[in-house]
Amino acid sequence: VQLVDSGGGLVQAGGSLTLSCAASGRTFSNYIMGWFRQAPGKEREMVAAINWDGSSAYYGGSVKGRFTISRDNAKNTVYLQMNSLEPEDTAVYYCAVNVGRSIWDARDYEYWGQGTQVTVSS
């Protein structure tokens, strides 16, 4: 089982990026999937989560209205569209599979991707 995160990069403030998380080895179409981020010296923070069929999405307060999570179960892939990026969004972004009760707690996630670096310059 492997999750591969991609799409990060360097972007100016106000710009956009789309991250992808491709799963292989098994299907996660029945699971909630989430995106987390971790900046240097900070705890891992839940950014967005999406239910199994994409009908419900959840966002951390700092990204609500700017980020959009989506999924394509046929491709076993989850996306994070990030708009109006701010320097405070700079972090390594990870996707993961929710296996617990809370969508907000990283301890309720397994099968983490390797992470992709997002850097937003001012």
Protein backbone atom coordinates (compact mmCIF):
# COMPACT_ATOMS: atom_id res chain seq x y z
CA VAL A 1 0.00 0.00 0.00
CA GLN A 2 1.44 3.34 -1.01
CA LEU A 3 0.28 6.94 -1.20
CA VAL A 4 2.29 9.29 -3.39
CA ASP A 5 1.93 13.02 -2.88
CA SER A 6 2.85 15.38 -5.69
CA GLY A 7 2.25 18.86 -7.06
CA GLY A 8 4.06 21.01 -4.55
CA GLY A 9 6.42 23.80 -5.48
CA LEU A 10 7.35 27.43 -5.08
CA VAL A 11 4.65 29.99 -5.76
CA GLN A 12 4.15 33.68 -5.08
CA ALA A 13 1.55 34.87 -2.62
CA GLY A 14 -1.85 34.95 -4.26
CA GLY A 15 -0.97 32.09 -6.56
CA SER A 16 -2.42 28.61 -6.88
CA LEU A 17 -1.27 25.01 -6.75
CA THR A 18 -3.01 21.67 -7.07
CA LEU A 19 -1.72 18.74 -5.05
CA SER A 20 -2.40 15.13 -5.93
CA CYS A 21 -2.35 11.99 -3.81
CA ALA A 22 -2.30 8.75 -5.77
CA ALA A 23 -2.92 5.49 -3.98
CA SER A 24 -1.70 2.12 -5.13
CA GLY A 25 -1.80 -1.37 -3.73
CA ARG A 26 -5.42 -1.19 -2.64
CA THR A 27 -8.47 0.99 -3.09
CA PHE A 28 -9.50 3.57 -0.51
CA SER A 29 -12.80 4.46 -2.13
CA ASN A 30 -14.69 3.55 1.06
CA TYR A 31 -12.55 5.74 3.33
CA ILE A 32 -12.41 9.35 4.33
CA MET A 33 -9.21 10.86 2.95
CA GLY A 34 -7.44 13.85 4.41
CA TRP A 35 -4.73 16.37 3.71
CA PHE A 36 -2.48 17.56 6.51
CA ARG A 37 0.40 20.00 6.58
CA GLN A 38 3.35 20.54 8.83
CA ALA A 39 5.50 23.63 8.99
CA PRO A 40 8.91 23.64 10.68
CA GLY A 41 8.57 23.66 14.45
CA LYS A 42 4.80 23.20 14.32
CA GLU A 43 2.45 20.28 14.83
CA ARG A 44 0.84 18.50 11.93
CA GLU A 45 -2.40 20.32 11.08
CA MET A 46 -5.49 18.95 9.34
CA VAL A 47 -6.17 21.01 6.23
CA ALA A 48 -9.05 19.24 4.54
CA ALA A 49 -10.88 15.93 4.49
CA ILE A 50 -13.40 14.36 2.14
CA ASN A 51 -15.85 11.53 2.63
CA TRP A 52 -15.91 8.37 0.55
CA ASP A 53 -17.98 9.63 -2.38
CA GLY A 54 -16.96 13.28 -2.28
CA SER A 55 -20.36 14.52 -1.14
CA SER A 56 -18.98 16.06 2.06
CA ALA A 57 -15.80 18.01 2.66
CA TYR A 58 -14.29 19.50 5.79
CA TYR A 59 -11.75 22.30 6.08
CA GLY A 60 -9.49 23.77 8.67
CA GLY A 61 -10.39 27.33 9.55
CA SER A 62 -7.28 28.86 8.07
CA VAL A 63 -7.92 27.47 4.57
CA LYS A 64 -11.69 27.54 4.33
CA GLY A 65 -12.79 29.39 1.24
CA ARG A 66 -9.36 29.12 -0.39
CA PHE A 67 -8.71 25.36 -0.64
CA THR A 68 -10.90 22.69 -2.23
CA ILE A 69 -10.51 18.97 -1.71
CA SER A 70 -11.83 16.49 -4.26
CA ARG A 71 -11.39 12.85 -5.19
CA ASP A 72 -11.61 10.56 -8.19
CA ASN A 73 -12.23 7.04 -6.92
CA ALA A 74 -11.82 5.57 -10.38
CA LYS A 75 -8.24 6.86 -10.33
CA ASN A 76 -7.76 6.22 -6.60
CA THR A 77 -6.59 9.83 -6.32
CA VAL A 78 -7.36 12.74 -4.03
CA TYR A 79 -6.68 16.36 -4.94
CA LEU A 80 -6.20 19.61 -3.07
CA GLN A 81 -6.77 22.77 -5.06
CA MET A 82 -5.12 25.67 -3.26
CA ASN A 83 -5.95 29.23 -4.27
CA SER A 84 -5.00 32.64 -2.86
CA LEU A 85 -1.94 31.11 -1.26
CA GLU A 86 -0.31 32.96 1.62
CA PRO A 87 3.21 32.70 3.05
CA GLU A 88 1.60 31.10 6.13
CA ASP A 89 0.58 28.16 3.92
CA THR A 90 4.24 27.19 3.53
CA ALA A 91 4.61 23.61 4.80
CA VAL A 92 5.03 20.01 3.78
CA TYR A 93 1.64 18.64 2.75
CA TYR A 94 0.67 15.02 3.34
CA CYS A 95 -2.35 12.95 2.41
CA ALA A 96 -3.54 10.05 4.53
CA VAL A 97 -6.35 7.57 5.03
CA ASN A 98 -8.74 8.07 7.94
CA VAL A 99 -9.21 4.88 9.93
CA GLY A 100 -10.51 6.33 13.20
CA ARG A 101 -13.32 8.44 14.57
CA SER A 102 -11.92 11.92 14.25
CA ILE A 103 -11.14 13.61 10.96
CA TRP A 104 -9.16 16.31 12.77
CA ASP A 105 -6.68 14.11 14.68
CA ALA A 106 -3.63 12.84 12.82
CA ARG A 107 -3.56 9.81 15.12
CA ASP A 108 -6.74 8.58 13.41
CA TYR A 109 -4.98 8.36 10.05
CA GLU A 110 -2.79 5.70 8.50
CA TYR A 111 -1.02 5.12 5.19
CA TRP A 112 0.63 8.51 4.93
CA GLY A 113 2.09 9.85 1.74
CA GLN A 114 5.71 10.96 1.67
CA GLY A 115 4.74 14.63 1.59
CA THR A 116 5.19 17.41 -0.93
CA GLN A 117 6.75 20.79 -0.13
CA VAL A 118 4.73 23.94 -0.73
CA THR A 119 6.57 27.22 -0.41
CA VAL A 120 4.77 30.54 -0.78
CA SER A 121 6.90 33.63 -1.18
CA SER A 122 5.74 37.08 -0.16
